Amino acid sequence: MYSLITCQLEKSLVEAMPSIMAFIASKISNHHDREDILQDVLLRTLKYADRSEIKNVQSYAMNVCKSAIVDHWKNHTVGHDLNDCCEHEDNTSDLFSSESSHRKLLDTAKAIQKMPQLRRIVFLNKRLDGKSRKEIAEVHRISEESVKKHISRASADLKSYLNGAGWLS
């Protein structure tokens, strides 16, 4: 049965996805691993929501994200012991231990969310997925020059938004 609570939870997760993806991308370079981790975060969050009420979906999902990244490092790090992984976990936690860093990440996600849909998609394809201009142009059936303009405008939008929010000097 699909409930109103599930619908609201999914909506909250969709709104949180840019910040979740940005965080994952800052820690994991491989595109496929990033997608796997995102899927794991979404599944874990939805599974937990079936058993209990989540008061702040984005905060909960980000904690699940940190845990999933540490699990990824544990499973994919060769020649390192558990202490190395724990050190990574502590470093990962540093980003969110500071209220200021958390607010900056949220402002970045808001700026990306406010972009026109195609501009946002092209920007995320380039910056998060690491796709080439040519690949993006082919997928969206636009010219490579249009891709370049979308990326440039998205970067300008992001810079302007963060400057207006007081993050850039």
N, C-alpha and C. Protein backbone atom coordinates (compact mmCIF):
# COMPACT_ATOMS: atom_id res chain seq x y z
N MET A 1 0.84 -1.18 0.00
CA MET A 1 0.00 0.00 0.00
C MET A 1 0.88 1.25 0.00
N TYR A 2 0.59 2.15 -0.89
CA TYR A 2 1.36 3.37 -1.06
C TYR A 2 0.71 4.47 -0.23
N SER A 3 1.37 4.90 0.83
CA SER A 3 0.76 5.85 1.75
C SER A 3 1.22 7.27 1.47
N LEU A 4 0.51 8.21 2.07
CA LEU A 4 0.88 9.62 1.98
C LEU A 4 2.26 9.85 2.59
N ILE A 5 2.55 9.15 3.68
CA ILE A 5 3.86 9.28 4.34
C ILE A 5 4.97 8.83 3.40
N THR A 6 4.76 7.72 2.70
CA THR A 6 5.75 7.23 1.74
C THR A 6 5.95 8.24 0.62
N CYS A 7 4.88 8.82 0.15
CA CYS A 7 4.94 9.83 -0.92
C CYS A 7 5.74 11.05 -0.46
N GLN A 8 5.48 11.52 0.76
CA GLN A 8 6.21 12.66 1.31
C GLN A 8 7.68 12.32 1.51
N LEU A 9 7.95 11.11 1.97
CA LEU A 9 9.33 10.68 2.17
C LEU A 9 10.07 10.67 0.84
N GLU A 10 9.45 10.11 -0.18
CA GLU A 10 10.09 10.07 -1.49
C GLU A 10 10.32 11.47 -2.04
N LYS A 11 9.36 12.37 -1.84
CA LYS A 11 9.53 13.75 -2.29
C LYS A 11 10.71 14.39 -1.57
N SER A 12 10.82 14.17 -0.27
CA SER A 12 11.94 14.71 0.50
C SER A 12 13.27 14.14 0.01
N LEU A 13 13.28 12.86 -0.31
CA LEU A 13 14.51 12.24 -0.83
C LEU A 13 14.90 12.83 -2.18
N VAL A 14 13.93 13.05 -3.03
CA VAL A 14 14.22 13.65 -4.35
C VAL A 14 14.81 15.05 -4.17
N GLU A 15 14.25 15.82 -3.24
CA GLU A 15 14.77 17.16 -2.98
C GLU A 15 16.18 17.11 -2.40
N ALA A 16 16.48 16.08 -1.65
CA ALA A 16 17.80 15.95 -1.03
C ALA A 16 18.85 15.35 -1.97
N MET A 17 18.43 14.79 -3.09
CA MET A 17 19.37 14.07 -3.96
C MET A 17 20.55 14.91 -4.46
N PRO A 18 20.36 16.19 -4.85
CA PRO A 18 21.55 16.94 -5.28
C PRO A 18 22.62 17.03 -4.20
N SER A 19 22.22 17.27 -2.96
CA SER A 19 23.23 17.36 -1.90
C SER A 19 23.82 15.99 -1.59
N ILE A 20 23.01 14.95 -1.66
CA ILE A 20 23.52 13.59 -1.43
C ILE A 20 24.53 13.24 -2.53
N MET A 21 24.16 13.50 -3.78
CA MET A 21 25.07 13.19 -4.90
C MET A 21 26.35 14.02 -4.82
N ALA A 22 26.22 15.29 -4.45
CA ALA A 22 27.41 16.14 -4.34
C ALA A 22 28.35 15.59 -3.27
N PHE A 23 27.79 15.15 -2.17
CA PHE A 23 28.61 14.59 -1.10
C PHE A 23 29.29 13.30 -1.56
N ILE A 24 28.53 12.42 -2.19
CA ILE A 24 29.10 11.16 -2.68
C ILE A 24 30.22 11.45 -3.68
N ALA A 25 29.96 12.38 -4.59
CA ALA A 25 30.96 12.72 -5.62
C ALA A 25 32.22 13.30 -5.02
N SER A 26 32.09 13.97 -3.87
CA SER A 26 33.29 14.54 -3.24
C SER A 26 34.17 13.46 -2.62
N LYS A 27 33.62 12.26 -2.44
CA LYS A 27 34.36 11.18 -1.78
C LYS A 27 34.68 10.00 -2.70
N ILE A 28 33.87 9.82 -3.76
CA ILE A 28 34.01 8.65 -4.62
C ILE A 28 34.17 9.12 -6.07
N SER A 29 35.23 8.68 -6.72
CA SER A 29 35.50 9.17 -8.08
C SER A 29 34.80 8.35 -9.16
N ASN A 30 34.59 7.09 -8.94
CA ASN A 30 34.01 6.23 -9.98
C ASN A 30 32.51 6.45 -10.09
N HIS A 31 32.07 6.77 -11.30
CA HIS A 31 30.65 7.06 -11.58
C HIS A 31 29.74 5.90 -11.17
N HIS A 32 30.12 4.69 -11.50
CA HIS A 32 29.28 3.53 -11.20
C HIS A 32 29.20 3.27 -9.69
N ASP A 33 30.32 3.47 -9.01
CA ASP A 33 30.30 3.32 -7.55
C ASP A 33 29.40 4.37 -6.90
N ARG A 34 29.44 5.59 -7.44
CA ARG A 34 28.58 6.66 -6.91
C ARG A 34 27.11 6.28 -7.07
N GLU A 35 26.75 5.75 -8.22
CA GLU A 35 25.35 5.34 -8.45
C GLU A 35 24.96 4.20 -7.51
N ASP A 36 25.87 3.25 -7.31
CA ASP A 36 25.59 2.14 -6.39
C ASP A 36 25.37 2.65 -4.97
N ILE A 37 26.21 3.58 -4.54
CA ILE A 37 26.09 4.12 -3.20
C ILE A 37 24.78 4.89 -3.06
N LEU A 38 24.43 5.70 -4.06
CA LEU A 38 23.17 6.43 -4.01
C LEU A 38 21.99 5.47 -3.90
N GLN A 39 22.01 4.43 -4.70
CA GLN A 39 20.92 3.45 -4.65
C GLN A 39 20.86 2.80 -3.26
N ASP A 40 22.00 2.48 -2.70
CA ASP A 40 22.05 1.88 -1.37
C ASP A 40 21.47 2.85 -0.32
N VAL A 41 21.83 4.12 -0.43
CA VAL A 41 21.32 5.13 0.51
C VAL A 41 19.80 5.22 0.41
N LEU A 42 19.28 5.27 -0.80
CA LEU A 42 17.84 5.38 -0.99
C LEU A 42 17.13 4.15 -0.43
N LEU A 43 17.67 2.96 -0.72
CA LEU A 43 17.04 1.74 -0.23
C LEU A 43 17.08 1.65 1.29
N ARG A 44 18.23 1.97 1.89
CA ARG A 44 18.34 1.91 3.35
C ARG A 44 17.37 2.90 4.00
N THR A 45 17.28 4.08 3.43
CA THR A 45 16.40 5.11 4.00
C THR A 45 14.94 4.68 3.91
N LEU A 46 14.54 4.18 2.75
CA LEU A 46 13.16 3.73 2.58
C LEU A 46 12.84 2.53 3.47
N LYS A 47 13.81 1.62 3.60
CA LYS A 47 13.60 0.43 4.43
C LYS A 47 13.42 0.83 5.90
N TYR A 48 14.24 1.75 6.37
CA TYR A 48 14.13 2.19 7.76
C TYR A 48 12.81 2.93 7.98
N ALA A 49 12.37 3.69 6.99
CA ALA A 49 11.13 4.46 7.11
C ALA A 49 9.92 3.55 7.29
N ASP A 50 10.00 2.32 6.78
CA ASP A 50 8.91 1.36 6.97
C ASP A 50 8.75 0.99 8.44
N ARG A 51 9.85 1.02 9.19
CA ARG A 51 9.83 0.59 10.60
C ARG A 51 9.68 1.74 11.57
N SER A 52 10.07 2.91 11.17
CA SER A 52 10.12 4.02 12.11
C SER A 52 9.90 5.35 11.38
N GLU A 53 9.49 6.36 12.13
CA GLU A 53 9.29 7.69 11.56
C GLU A 53 10.63 8.42 11.50
N ILE A 54 10.90 9.03 10.36
CA ILE A 54 12.11 9.83 10.19
C ILE A 54 11.69 11.29 10.25
N LYS A 55 12.23 12.01 11.21
CA LYS A 55 11.83 13.41 11.39
C LYS A 55 12.49 14.33 10.37
N ASN A 56 13.78 14.14 10.08
CA ASN A 56 14.49 14.96 9.12
C ASN A 56 15.10 14.02 8.07
N VAL A 57 14.41 13.89 6.96
CA VAL A 57 14.80 12.91 5.93
C VAL A 57 16.19 13.21 5.39
N GLN A 58 16.48 14.47 5.09
CA GLN A 58 17.78 14.79 4.50
C GLN A 58 18.91 14.47 5.48
N SER A 59 18.75 14.84 6.72
CA SER A 59 19.77 14.56 7.72
C SER A 59 19.98 13.05 7.86
N TYR A 60 18.89 12.31 7.94
CA TYR A 60 18.99 10.86 8.07
C TYR A 60 19.69 10.27 6.83
N ALA A 61 19.27 10.71 5.65
CA ALA A 61 19.85 10.18 4.41
C ALA A 61 21.35 10.50 4.33
N MET A 62 21.76 11.67 4.81
CA MET A 62 23.18 12.02 4.77
C MET A 62 23.98 11.13 5.73
N ASN A 63 23.40 10.81 6.88
CA ASN A 63 24.09 9.89 7.80
C ASN A 63 24.19 8.50 7.19
N VAL A 64 23.14 8.05 6.53
CA VAL A 64 23.17 6.76 5.83
C VAL A 64 24.23 6.83 4.72
N CYS A 65 24.32 7.95 4.06
CA CYS A 65 25.29 8.15 2.98
C CYS A 65 26.72 7.99 3.51
N LYS A 66 27.02 8.63 4.63
CA LYS A 66 28.36 8.50 5.22
C LYS A 66 28.66 7.05 5.55
N SER A 67 27.68 6.37 6.10
CA SER A 67 27.85 4.96 6.44
C SER A 67 28.08 4.12 5.18
N ALA A 68 27.33 4.40 4.13
CA ALA A 68 27.48 3.64 2.87
C ALA A 68 28.85 3.89 2.24
N ILE A 69 29.34 5.10 2.35
CA ILE A 69 30.67 5.40 1.80
C ILE A 69 31.75 4.66 2.58
N VAL A 70 31.63 4.64 3.89
CA VAL A 70 32.60 3.90 4.71
C VAL A 70 32.53 2.42 4.36
N ASP A 71 31.33 1.88 4.21
CA ASP A 71 31.18 0.48 3.81
C ASP A 71 31.85 0.24 2.46
N HIS A 72 31.68 1.17 1.54
CA HIS A 72 32.32 1.05 0.22
C HIS A 72 33.85 1.01 0.38
N TRP A 73 34.39 1.93 1.18
CA TRP A 73 35.84 1.96 1.39
C TRP A 73 36.31 0.65 2.02
N LYS A 74 35.57 0.12 2.95
CA LYS A 74 35.96 -1.13 3.60
C LYS A 74 36.00 -2.27 2.59
N ASN A 75 35.03 -2.30 1.69
CA ASN A 75 34.92 -3.39 0.73
C ASN A 75 35.84 -3.23 -0.48
N HIS A 76 36.30 -2.01 -0.75
CA HIS A 76 37.08 -1.78 -1.96
C HIS A 76 38.50 -1.29 -1.70
N THR A 77 38.91 -1.22 -0.45
CA THR A 77 40.25 -0.76 -0.13
C THR A 77 41.14 -1.98 0.06
N VAL A 78 42.15 -2.08 -0.79
CA VAL A 78 43.07 -3.20 -0.73
C VAL A 78 44.34 -2.75 -0.02
N GLY A 79 44.81 -3.59 0.92
CA GLY A 79 46.07 -3.30 1.59
C GLY A 79 45.96 -2.30 2.73
N HIS A 80 44.74 -1.96 3.14
CA HIS A 80 44.54 -1.07 4.26
C HIS A 80 43.78 -1.82 5.34
N ASP A 81 44.07 -1.49 6.57
CA ASP A 81 43.34 -2.15 7.64
C ASP A 81 42.12 -1.32 8.04
N LEU A 82 41.36 -1.86 8.99
CA LEU A 82 40.14 -1.21 9.42
C LEU A 82 40.40 0.18 10.00
N ASN A 83 41.54 0.39 10.63
CA ASN A 83 41.85 1.70 11.20
C ASN A 83 41.93 2.77 10.12
N ASP A 84 42.47 2.40 8.94
CA ASP A 84 42.52 3.34 7.83
C ASP A 84 41.11 3.74 7.43
N CYS A 85 40.20 2.79 7.37
CA CYS A 85 38.82 3.09 7.00
C CYS A 85 38.17 3.99 8.04
N CYS A 86 38.45 3.73 9.28
CA CYS A 86 37.87 4.55 10.35
C CYS A 86 38.40 5.97 10.27
N GLU A 87 39.69 6.11 9.89
CA GLU A 87 40.22 7.46 9.73
C GLU A 87 39.48 8.18 8.61
N HIS A 88 39.20 7.46 7.53
CA HIS A 88 38.41 8.06 6.45
C HIS A 88 37.04 8.46 6.96
N GLU A 89 36.44 7.60 7.76
CA GLU A 89 35.11 7.89 8.29
C GLU A 89 35.15 9.19 9.11
N ASP A 90 36.18 9.34 9.93
CA ASP A 90 36.29 10.55 10.72
C ASP A 90 36.46 11.77 9.83
N ASN A 91 37.27 11.64 8.77
CA ASN A 91 37.45 12.74 7.84
C ASN A 91 36.15 13.06 7.12
N THR A 92 35.41 12.03 6.77
CA THR A 92 34.13 12.23 6.11
C THR A 92 33.18 12.97 7.04
N SER A 93 33.18 12.63 8.30
CA SER A 93 32.30 13.26 9.27
C SER A 93 32.63 14.73 9.47
N ASP A 94 33.89 15.11 9.23
CA ASP A 94 34.29 16.49 9.43
C ASP A 94 33.45 17.46 8.61
N LEU A 95 33.05 17.04 7.41
CA LEU A 95 32.27 17.92 6.55
C LEU A 95 30.97 18.33 7.22
N PHE A 96 30.35 17.39 7.92
CA PHE A 96 29.05 17.67 8.51
C PHE A 96 29.12 17.97 10.00
N SER A 97 30.30 17.85 10.59
CA SER A 97 30.41 18.19 12.01
C SER A 97 30.30 19.69 12.18
N SER A 98 30.62 20.42 11.16
CA SER A 98 30.55 21.86 11.20
C SER A 98 29.21 22.33 10.62
N GLU A 99 28.49 23.08 11.40
CA GLU A 99 27.20 23.62 10.95
C GLU A 99 27.39 24.46 9.70
N SER A 100 28.46 25.19 9.64
CA SER A 100 28.74 26.06 8.50
C SER A 100 28.90 25.26 7.21
N SER A 101 29.65 24.17 7.27
CA SER A 101 29.83 23.33 6.08
C SER A 101 28.52 22.71 5.64
N HIS A 102 27.73 22.31 6.60
CA HIS A 102 26.43 21.71 6.28
C HIS A 102 25.53 22.73 5.60
N ARG A 103 25.50 23.95 6.12
CA ARG A 103 24.66 24.99 5.50
C ARG A 103 25.15 25.33 4.11
N LYS A 104 26.47 25.35 3.91
CA LYS A 104 27.01 25.65 2.58
C LYS A 104 26.60 24.56 1.59
N LEU A 105 26.66 23.31 2.01
CA LEU A 105 26.25 22.22 1.14
C LEU A 105 24.76 22.33 0.81
N LEU A 106 23.95 22.67 1.80
CA LEU A 106 22.52 22.84 1.55
C LEU A 106 22.27 24.00 0.60
N ASP A 107 23.01 25.10 0.76
CA ASP A 107 22.86 26.23 -0.15
C ASP A 107 23.27 25.84 -1.57
N THR A 108 24.31 25.03 -1.69
CA THR A 108 24.74 24.56 -3.00
C THR A 108 23.64 23.71 -3.64
N ALA A 109 23.05 22.83 -2.85
CA ALA A 109 21.95 22.00 -3.37
C ALA A 109 20.76 22.86 -3.78
N LYS A 110 20.45 23.88 -2.98
CA LYS A 110 19.33 24.78 -3.33
C LYS A 110 19.61 25.50 -4.64
N ALA A 111 20.84 25.96 -4.80
CA ALA A 111 21.21 26.67 -6.03
C ALA A 111 21.05 25.75 -7.24
N ILE A 112 21.49 24.52 -7.11
CA ILE A 112 21.35 23.57 -8.22
C ILE A 112 19.89 23.27 -8.48
N GLN A 113 19.10 23.13 -7.42
CA GLN A 113 17.68 22.82 -7.57
C GLN A 113 16.93 23.95 -8.27
N LYS A 114 17.37 25.20 -8.08
CA LYS A 114 16.69 26.36 -8.68
C LYS A 114 17.00 26.53 -10.17
N MET A 115 17.99 25.84 -10.66
CA MET A 115 18.35 25.97 -12.07
C MET A 115 17.23 25.40 -12.95
N PRO A 116 17.10 25.95 -14.17
CA PRO A 116 16.17 25.33 -15.12
C PRO A 116 16.53 23.85 -15.30
N GLN A 117 15.54 23.03 -15.57
CA GLN A 117 15.73 21.58 -15.58
C GLN A 117 16.87 21.13 -16.50
N LEU A 118 16.89 21.55 -17.74
CA LEU A 118 17.93 21.09 -18.66
C LEU A 118 19.30 21.55 -18.21
N ARG A 119 19.40 22.79 -17.76
CA ARG A 119 20.69 23.30 -17.28
C ARG A 119 21.18 22.47 -16.10
N ARG A 120 20.28 22.17 -15.16
CA ARG A 120 20.65 21.37 -13.98
C ARG A 120 21.11 19.98 -14.39
N ILE A 121 20.37 19.35 -15.30
CA ILE A 121 20.71 18.00 -15.73
C ILE A 121 22.06 17.98 -16.43
N VAL A 122 22.27 18.94 -17.34
CA VAL A 122 23.55 19.01 -18.07
C VAL A 122 24.70 19.24 -17.08
N PHE A 123 24.49 20.16 -16.14
CA PHE A 123 25.53 20.46 -15.15
C PHE A 123 25.87 19.23 -14.31
N LEU A 124 24.84 18.53 -13.83
CA LEU A 124 25.09 17.33 -13.03
C LEU A 124 25.71 16.21 -13.85
N ASN A 125 25.29 16.08 -15.11
CA ASN A 125 25.91 15.08 -15.99
C ASN A 125 27.41 15.33 -16.12
N LYS A 126 27.78 16.60 -16.26
CA LYS A 126 29.19 16.95 -16.43
C LYS A 126 29.96 16.85 -15.12
N ARG A 127 29.45 17.51 -14.08
CA ARG A 127 30.20 17.63 -12.82
C ARG A 127 30.13 16.38 -11.94
N LEU A 128 28.99 15.72 -11.88
CA LEU A 128 28.87 14.55 -11.01
C LEU A 128 29.14 13.25 -11.76
N ASP A 129 28.60 13.15 -12.96
CA ASP A 129 28.73 11.91 -13.71
C ASP A 129 30.02 11.84 -14.51
N GLY A 130 30.66 13.00 -14.72
CA GLY A 130 31.91 13.03 -15.45
C GLY A 130 31.77 12.77 -16.94
N LYS A 131 30.57 12.99 -17.47
CA LYS A 131 30.36 12.76 -18.90
C LYS A 131 31.00 13.87 -19.72
N SER A 132 31.38 13.52 -20.93
CA SER A 132 31.96 14.51 -21.83
C SER A 132 30.86 15.37 -22.44
N ARG A 133 31.25 16.51 -22.99
CA ARG A 133 30.26 17.37 -23.66
C ARG A 133 29.58 16.62 -24.80
N LYS A 134 30.37 15.86 -25.51
CA LYS A 134 29.82 15.11 -26.64
C LYS A 134 28.76 14.11 -26.18
N GLU A 135 29.06 13.37 -25.11
CA GLU A 135 28.09 12.39 -24.59
C GLU A 135 26.80 13.08 -24.15
N ILE A 136 26.94 14.20 -23.45
CA ILE A 136 25.77 14.93 -22.97
C ILE A 136 24.96 15.45 -24.14
N ALA A 137 25.64 15.99 -25.13
CA ALA A 137 24.95 16.52 -26.31
C ALA A 137 24.15 15.43 -27.02
N GLU A 138 24.74 14.25 -27.16
CA GLU A 138 24.05 13.15 -27.83
C GLU A 138 22.82 12.69 -27.05
N VAL A 139 22.94 12.57 -25.73
CA VAL A 139 21.84 12.10 -24.90
C VAL A 139 20.67 13.07 -24.93
N HIS A 140 20.98 14.37 -24.88
CA HIS A 140 19.92 15.38 -24.79
C HIS A 140 19.56 15.99 -26.14
N ARG A 141 20.23 15.51 -27.18
CA ARG A 141 19.97 15.98 -28.55
C ARG A 141 20.11 17.49 -28.69
N ILE A 142 21.22 17.99 -28.16
CA ILE A 142 21.57 19.40 -28.29
C ILE A 142 23.01 19.47 -28.78
N SER A 143 23.43 20.64 -29.21
CA SER A 143 24.79 20.79 -29.72
C SER A 143 25.79 20.82 -28.56
N GLU A 144 27.03 20.51 -28.89
CA GLU A 144 28.08 20.59 -27.87
C GLU A 144 28.25 22.02 -27.37
N GLU A 145 28.03 22.98 -28.26
CA GLU A 145 28.10 24.39 -27.86
C GLU A 145 27.00 24.72 -26.84
N SER A 146 25.81 24.15 -27.02
CA SER A 146 24.73 24.35 -26.04
C SER A 146 25.10 23.73 -24.69
N VAL A 147 25.72 22.57 -24.74
CA VAL A 147 26.17 21.94 -23.50
C VAL A 147 27.15 22.87 -22.79
N LYS A 148 28.09 23.40 -23.54
CA LYS A 148 29.09 24.31 -22.98
C LYS A 148 28.41 25.52 -22.33
N LYS A 149 27.40 26.08 -23.01
CA LYS A 149 26.70 27.25 -22.48
C LYS A 149 25.91 26.89 -21.22
N HIS A 150 25.26 25.73 -21.22
CA HIS A 150 24.52 25.31 -20.03
C HIS A 150 25.45 25.15 -18.83
N ILE A 151 26.60 24.55 -19.06
CA ILE A 151 27.57 24.35 -17.96
C ILE A 151 28.09 25.70 -17.47
N SER A 152 28.41 26.58 -18.40
CA SER A 152 28.90 27.91 -18.04
C SER A 152 27.85 28.69 -17.25
N ARG A 153 26.62 28.67 -17.73
CA ARG A 153 25.55 29.40 -17.04
C ARG A 153 25.24 28.77 -15.68
N ALA A 154 25.28 27.45 -15.61
CA ALA A 154 25.04 26.77 -14.33
C ALA A 154 26.13 27.16 -13.32
N SER A 155 27.37 27.19 -13.78
CA SER A 155 28.47 27.59 -12.90
C SER A 155 28.29 29.03 -12.43
N ALA A 156 27.86 29.90 -13.35
CA ALA A 156 27.62 31.30 -12.99
C ALA A 156 26.45 31.40 -12.01
N ASP A 157 25.39 30.64 -12.24
CA ASP A 157 24.24 30.62 -11.32
C ASP A 157 24.69 30.19 -9.93
N LEU A 158 25.46 29.12 -9.88
CA LEU A 158 25.93 28.58 -8.61
C LEU A 158 26.80 29.61 -7.89
N LYS A 159 27.72 30.22 -8.62
CA LYS A 159 28.61 31.22 -8.04
C LYS A 159 27.80 32.41 -7.52
N SER A 160 26.84 32.86 -8.30
CA SER A 160 26.02 34.00 -7.92
C SER A 160 25.20 33.69 -6.66
N TYR A 161 24.61 32.51 -6.62
CA TYR A 161 23.79 32.11 -5.48
C TYR A 161 24.64 32.02 -4.22
N LEU A 162 25.79 31.37 -4.33
CA LEU A 162 26.66 31.21 -3.16
C LEU A 162 27.25 32.55 -2.73
N ASN A 163 27.52 33.43 -3.69
CA ASN A 163 28.00 34.77 -3.36
C ASN A 163 26.92 35.54 -2.62
N GLY A 164 25.68 35.46 -3.10
CA GLY A 164 24.57 36.13 -2.45
C GLY A 164 24.29 35.60 -1.07
N ALA A 165 24.61 34.33 -0.86
CA ALA A 165 24.40 33.70 0.46
C ALA A 165 25.58 33.97 1.40
N GLY A 166 26.60 34.67 0.88
CA GLY A 166 27.73 35.04 1.72
C GLY A 166 28.85 34.02 1.80
N TRP A 167 28.85 33.03 0.90
CA TRP A 167 29.87 31.98 0.96
C TRP A 167 31.13 32.34 0.19
N LEU A 168 31.02 33.22 -0.77
CA LEU A 168 32.19 33.59 -1.57
C LEU A 168 32.57 35.03 -1.27
N SER A 169 33.87 35.29 -1.28
CA SER A 169 34.30 36.66 -0.98
C SER A 169 34.64 37.41 -2.25
